Amino acid sequence: MQDSRTHETPVVPDSLLDSVSLLSKKWHPAIVRCLSGSDGYGFSDLESRLDGISAKVLTDALSELQEYAIIERREISQSPLRVSYTLTERGEELDDVIESLVDWSETHLAEPNTEQVVLVADDHKRVSTMHTTWLSDEYTVRTASDGEETLRQLDTDVGVVVLDRRMPGLSGSEVLEWIRSQRYDIRVVMVTSEDVDLDVMEMGFDEYLMKPVRQDELRAVVADLFERREYSTELQTYLALQSKLALLRAEYPEETLDTNEEFQQLQTRLTELELSEDERAEIDPATIEQVFGASQ
């Protein structure tokens, strides 16, 4: 009599082994995550964002990911040669899998972390030192003096970034865009000495402060942003949008905003996200004062 077990599906199918082999290589998931949500990066851009990777390892990893049709290489120009790497549709699907693994790992494998880490990113040493001094008695503070160093300092331990909008190399705006593309659970307060322009409507910050920033102002905003990290994604989005609209109303006359299509779209989105009484009751009183007080 033939053993029926020989026809059973293998406990560990080859397809699973192939997937694990691909994902177990250190830099493959990192490259996919780095390209996630972007319009594409060149070789040097990837090298600067993937701290610790060598040029040879990056070259080999990119070649293998191309062989699996996970990424696509495009020539932007031939003289000088410039290329851009983007995720394919297959790569986007893999990124969803990697994100799920990250979420699972943070839920089940990560050690409980009670440390609150703030990254102060500013190219003015005096300002960076001052902000660090104000925050270091309550938080673990890291510092960065330009955009590239900011990216190297970022990891899942960082809860709040105090981000200078104008920095050499990668600007604060570009760093913010990268943070959001990586879907980090990081709250960002943008700080600047420049006038508020209408471009801020496209930026994904949580709060926006004008230099010179007062000590009590910075401490209150950072404490509020750590509180917001405990809220749902929808509630965090609502509060960030409320803060952005309040900022614009404080800086621009009503007639200018009333004729601005993008501002009207933001208002419509805020209305669609309107909180219920139960949701509003979840918000810390200090956050209500920080966000809703500024808009009144």
Protein backbone atom coordinates (compact mmCIF):
# COMPACT_ATOMS: atom_id res chain seq x y z
CA MET A 1 0.00 0.00 0.00
CA GLN A 2 1.36 3.39 -0.98
CA ASP A 3 2.07 5.81 1.86
CA SER A 4 -0.38 8.69 1.41
CA ARG A 5 2.01 11.01 3.24
CA THR A 6 4.22 11.19 0.17
CA HIS A 7 1.51 13.24 -1.56
CA GLU A 8 1.02 15.73 1.25
CA THR A 9 2.12 19.33 0.84
CA PRO A 10 5.59 19.82 2.37
CA VAL A 11 5.58 21.41 5.82
CA VAL A 12 8.16 23.92 4.59
CA PRO A 13 7.52 24.54 0.89
CA ASP A 14 10.34 25.64 -1.39
CA SER A 15 8.56 28.94 -2.01
CA LEU A 16 8.86 29.81 1.68
CA LEU A 17 12.52 28.85 1.77
CA ASP A 18 13.19 31.03 -1.28
CA SER A 19 11.43 34.00 0.35
CA VAL A 20 13.29 33.58 3.63
CA SER A 21 16.59 33.32 1.76
CA LEU A 22 15.89 36.61 -0.01
CA LEU A 23 14.75 38.49 3.09
CA SER A 24 17.44 37.10 5.37
CA LYS A 25 20.14 39.01 3.52
CA LYS A 26 20.82 42.04 5.66
CA TRP A 27 20.58 44.81 3.10
CA HIS A 28 17.77 43.55 0.86
CA PRO A 29 14.87 44.53 3.15
CA ALA A 30 16.68 47.77 4.02
CA ILE A 31 16.95 48.76 0.35
CA VAL A 32 13.29 47.96 -0.27
CA ARG A 33 12.26 50.02 2.77
CA CYS A 34 14.50 52.88 1.69
CA LEU A 35 12.91 53.01 -1.77
CA SER A 36 9.39 52.70 -0.37
CA GLY A 37 7.23 55.72 -1.13
CA SER A 38 9.97 57.48 -3.10
CA ASP A 39 10.19 58.51 -6.74
CA GLY A 40 13.54 56.75 -6.92
CA TYR A 41 17.07 57.23 -5.60
CA GLY A 42 20.46 57.16 -7.25
CA PHE A 43 23.33 54.96 -6.12
CA SER A 44 24.97 57.68 -4.00
CA ASP A 45 21.62 58.59 -2.44
CA LEU A 46 21.09 54.98 -1.33
CA GLU A 47 24.66 54.72 -0.08
CA SER A 48 24.22 57.80 2.13
CA ARG A 49 20.87 56.61 3.51
CA LEU A 50 22.01 53.05 4.26
CA ASP A 51 24.54 53.71 6.97
CA GLY A 52 27.34 51.13 7.01
CA ILE A 53 26.84 49.59 3.58
CA SER A 54 29.86 49.38 1.26
CA ALA A 55 29.73 50.28 -2.43
CA LYS A 56 30.41 46.67 -3.43
CA VAL A 57 27.73 45.21 -1.17
CA LEU A 58 25.22 47.80 -2.41
CA THR A 59 26.10 47.01 -6.04
CA ASP A 60 25.64 43.27 -5.48
CA ALA A 61 22.38 43.74 -3.59
CA LEU A 62 20.93 46.02 -6.27
CA SER A 63 21.88 43.51 -8.98
CA GLU A 64 20.18 40.63 -7.16
CA LEU A 65 17.03 42.66 -6.46
CA GLN A 66 16.89 43.53 -10.16
CA GLU A 67 17.17 39.84 -11.05
CA TYR A 68 14.09 39.17 -8.90
CA ALA A 69 12.30 42.13 -10.57
CA ILE A 70 11.88 43.76 -7.16
CA ILE A 71 13.56 46.99 -8.22
CA GLU A 72 14.01 48.70 -11.55
CA ARG A 73 17.08 50.60 -12.75
CA ARG A 74 16.53 53.56 -15.05
CA GLU A 75 19.07 55.77 -16.77
CA ILE A 76 18.35 59.43 -16.16
CA SER A 77 21.23 60.70 -18.27
CA GLN A 78 24.19 59.18 -20.09
CA SER A 79 26.71 62.00 -19.88
CA PRO A 80 27.36 62.06 -17.03
CA LEU A 81 25.80 58.69 -16.28
CA ARG A 82 23.00 59.04 -13.74
CA VAL A 83 20.66 56.22 -12.75
CA SER A 84 17.64 55.92 -10.51
CA TYR A 85 16.35 52.86 -8.67
CA THR A 86 12.63 52.41 -7.97
CA LEU A 87 10.41 49.63 -6.65
CA THR A 88 8.46 47.58 -9.17
CA GLU A 89 4.90 46.45 -8.46
CA ARG A 90 6.39 43.23 -7.11
CA GLY A 91 8.69 45.29 -4.91
CA GLU A 92 5.77 47.31 -3.54
CA GLU A 93 4.06 44.03 -2.56
CA LEU A 94 7.24 42.87 -0.84
CA ASP A 95 7.45 46.17 1.03
CA ASP A 96 4.01 45.48 2.51
CA VAL A 97 5.30 42.12 3.74
CA ILE A 98 8.40 43.73 5.27
CA GLU A 99 6.28 46.36 6.99
CA SER A 100 4.11 43.63 8.49
CA LEU A 101 7.23 41.87 9.78
CA VAL A 102 8.44 45.12 11.33
CA ASP A 103 5.10 45.64 13.06
CA TRP A 104 5.10 42.05 14.34
CA SER A 105 8.66 42.36 15.60
CA GLU A 106 7.98 45.62 17.43
CA THR A 107 4.92 44.07 19.05
CA HIS A 108 6.37 40.71 20.06
CA LEU A 109 10.17 40.84 20.01
CA ALA A 110 11.18 44.35 20.96
CA GLU A 111 12.27 44.94 24.54
CA PRO A 112 10.00 47.37 26.41
CA ASN A 113 11.56 50.78 25.94
CA THR A 114 10.73 53.46 28.47
CA GLU A 115 13.48 55.76 27.21
CA GLN A 116 12.23 58.82 25.35
CA VAL A 117 14.66 59.87 22.63
CA VAL A 118 14.68 63.29 20.95
CA LEU A 119 16.81 64.05 17.90
CA VAL A 120 17.79 67.72 17.63
CA ALA A 121 18.81 68.44 14.02
CA ASP A 122 20.21 71.93 13.44
CA ASP A 123 23.32 73.18 11.64
CA HIS A 124 23.72 76.13 14.04
CA LYS A 125 25.84 74.78 16.90
CA ARG A 126 24.68 77.39 19.41
CA VAL A 127 21.01 76.65 18.73
CA SER A 128 21.59 72.88 18.84
CA THR A 129 23.45 73.14 22.16
CA MET A 130 20.75 75.36 23.65
CA HIS A 131 17.90 73.08 22.60
CA THR A 132 19.80 70.03 23.83
CA THR A 133 20.39 71.66 27.23
CA TRP A 134 16.70 72.50 27.57
CA LEU A 135 15.61 68.92 26.84
CA SER A 136 18.36 66.72 28.27
CA ASP A 137 17.03 66.68 31.83
CA GLU A 138 13.88 64.83 30.69
CA TYR A 139 14.92 63.05 27.48
CA THR A 140 17.81 61.23 25.87
CA VAL A 141 18.95 63.73 23.24
CA ARG A 142 20.82 62.98 20.04
CA THR A 143 22.12 65.72 17.75
CA ALA A 144 22.79 66.12 14.04
CA SER A 145 24.26 69.08 12.16
CA ASP A 146 23.04 68.36 8.61
CA GLY A 147 20.47 66.33 6.72
CA GLU A 148 22.67 63.32 6.02
CA GLU A 149 23.72 63.00 9.66
CA THR A 150 20.07 63.28 10.67
CA LEU A 151 19.22 60.23 8.56
CA ARG A 152 22.11 58.28 10.12
CA GLN A 153 20.86 59.11 13.62
CA LEU A 154 17.29 58.03 12.90
CA ASP A 155 15.97 54.68 14.08
CA THR A 156 12.85 53.33 15.76
CA ASP A 157 14.10 54.51 19.18
CA VAL A 158 13.66 58.16 18.19
CA GLY A 159 10.26 59.47 19.25
CA VAL A 160 10.48 63.16 18.37
CA VAL A 161 12.67 65.13 15.96
CA VAL A 162 13.28 68.85 16.43
CA LEU A 163 14.10 69.57 12.80
CA ASP A 164 15.63 72.73 11.35
CA ARG A 165 13.93 73.42 8.03
CA ARG A 166 17.07 74.75 6.33
CA MET A 167 20.22 72.65 6.67
CA PRO A 168 23.20 72.06 4.35
CA GLY A 169 22.96 69.07 2.03
CA LEU A 170 19.57 67.48 2.57
CA SER A 171 17.18 70.13 3.85
CA GLY A 172 14.87 69.60 6.78
CA SER A 173 11.98 69.41 4.33
CA GLU A 174 13.68 66.54 2.48
CA VAL A 175 14.48 64.75 5.74
CA LEU A 176 10.84 65.09 6.80
CA GLU A 177 9.69 63.66 3.48
CA TRP A 178 12.03 60.68 3.96
CA ILE A 179 10.78 60.06 7.52
CA ARG A 180 7.19 59.95 6.31
CA SER A 181 8.08 57.71 3.35
CA GLN A 182 9.59 55.19 5.79
CA ARG A 183 6.43 55.25 7.92
CA TYR A 184 8.40 55.73 11.11
CA ASP A 185 6.29 56.39 14.18
CA ILE A 186 8.14 59.65 14.75
CA ARG A 187 6.59 63.02 15.55
CA VAL A 188 8.33 66.04 13.99
CA VAL A 189 8.41 69.68 15.06
CA MET A 190 9.80 71.84 12.27
CA VAL A 191 11.71 74.94 13.39
CA THR A 192 12.77 77.83 11.17
CA SER A 193 13.81 81.48 11.21
CA GLU A 194 12.15 82.15 7.84
CA ASP A 195 8.70 83.46 7.13
CA VAL A 196 5.97 80.85 6.83
CA ASP A 197 5.27 80.19 3.15
CA LEU A 198 2.33 78.40 1.59
CA ASP A 199 4.59 75.45 0.77
CA VAL A 200 4.09 74.24 4.36
CA MET A 201 0.70 72.91 3.25
CA GLU A 202 2.52 70.06 1.49
CA MET A 203 4.73 69.18 4.46
CA GLY A 204 4.03 66.38 6.93
CA PHE A 205 5.15 68.01 10.19
CA ASP A 206 3.22 67.74 13.46
CA GLU A 207 4.11 71.18 14.83
CA TYR A 208 5.91 74.24 13.47
CA LEU A 209 7.90 76.73 15.55
CA MET A 210 9.51 80.02 14.60
CA LYS A 211 13.01 80.86 15.81
CA PRO A 212 14.04 82.03 18.29
CA VAL A 213 12.21 79.29 20.15
CA ARG A 214 11.56 79.83 23.86
CA GLN A 215 12.54 77.16 26.36
CA ASP A 216 9.03 76.68 27.73
CA GLU A 217 7.64 76.59 24.19
CA LEU A 218 10.01 73.85 23.01
CA ARG A 219 9.59 71.74 26.13
CA ALA A 220 5.80 71.97 25.91
CA VAL A 221 5.73 70.98 22.23
CA VAL A 222 8.08 68.01 22.68
CA ALA A 223 6.08 66.75 25.69
CA ASP A 224 2.88 67.11 23.66
CA LEU A 225 4.31 65.19 20.69
CA PHE A 226 5.36 62.28 22.91
CA GLU A 227 1.79 62.23 24.22
CA ARG A 228 0.43 62.15 20.66
CA ARG A 229 2.45 59.02 19.87
CA GLU A 230 0.00 57.10 22.07
CA TYR A 231 -2.97 58.19 19.95
CA SER A 232 -4.44 56.47 16.92
CA THR A 233 -3.10 57.32 13.45
CA GLU A 234 -6.35 59.11 12.62
CA LEU A 235 -6.17 61.25 15.75
CA GLN A 236 -2.52 62.12 15.13
CA THR A 237 -3.40 63.13 11.57
CA TYR A 238 -6.24 65.30 12.82
CA LEU A 239 -4.05 67.11 15.37
CA ALA A 240 -1.23 67.70 12.86
CA LEU A 241 -3.70 69.11 10.34
CA GLN A 242 -5.33 71.31 12.99
CA SER A 243 -1.90 72.72 13.92
CA LYS A 244 -1.01 73.39 10.27
CA LEU A 245 -4.24 75.27 9.58
CA ALA A 246 -3.83 77.30 12.76
CA LEU A 247 -0.29 78.23 11.69
CA LEU A 248 -1.48 79.43 8.28
CA ARG A 249 -4.39 81.41 9.72
CA ALA A 250 -1.96 83.17 12.05
CA GLU A 251 0.38 84.11 9.19
CA TYR A 252 -1.96 84.93 6.30
CA PRO A 253 -5.04 87.13 5.92
CA GLU A 254 -8.36 85.36 5.60
CA GLU A 255 -8.95 86.59 2.05
CA THR A 256 -5.68 85.01 0.87
CA LEU A 257 -6.56 81.62 2.35
CA ASP A 258 -10.16 81.74 1.15
CA THR A 259 -8.95 81.85 -2.45
CA ASN A 260 -6.27 79.18 -2.02
CA GLU A 261 -7.52 75.85 -3.37
CA GLU A 262 -5.04 73.73 -1.41
CA PHE A 263 -5.96 75.42 1.86
CA GLN A 264 -9.62 74.76 1.15
CA GLN A 265 -8.81 71.10 0.50
CA LEU A 266 -7.04 70.89 3.87
CA GLN A 267 -10.07 72.42 5.57
CA THR A 268 -12.34 69.90 3.87
CA ARG A 269 -10.11 67.06 5.01
CA LEU A 270 -10.17 68.38 8.58
CA THR A 271 -13.95 68.47 8.48
CA GLU A 272 -14.02 64.88 7.25
CA LEU A 273 -11.82 63.89 10.21
CA GLU A 274 -13.96 65.76 12.74
CA LEU A 275 -13.67 64.14 16.16
CA SER A 276 -16.48 62.62 18.15
CA GLU A 277 -16.92 63.60 21.77
CA ASP A 278 -15.38 60.29 22.86
CA GLU A 279 -12.33 60.83 20.65
CA ARG A 280 -11.88 64.38 21.90
CA ALA A 281 -12.07 63.10 25.48
CA GLU A 282 -9.01 60.92 24.78
CA ILE A 283 -6.82 63.96 24.12
CA ASP A 284 -4.58 65.14 26.93
CA PRO A 285 -5.56 68.61 28.23
CA ALA A 286 -2.05 69.91 27.46
CA THR A 287 -2.48 68.81 23.84
CA ILE A 288 -5.84 70.55 23.65
CA GLU A 289 -4.20 73.74 24.88
CA GLN A 290 -1.26 73.33 22.50
CA VAL A 291 -3.32 72.61 19.37
CA PHE A 292 -6.79 74.04 19.86
CA GLY A 293 -5.65 76.99 21.95
CA ALA A 294 -3.40 78.12 19.09
CA SER A 295 -6.31 78.03 16.66
CA GLN A 296 -8.66 80.14 18.73
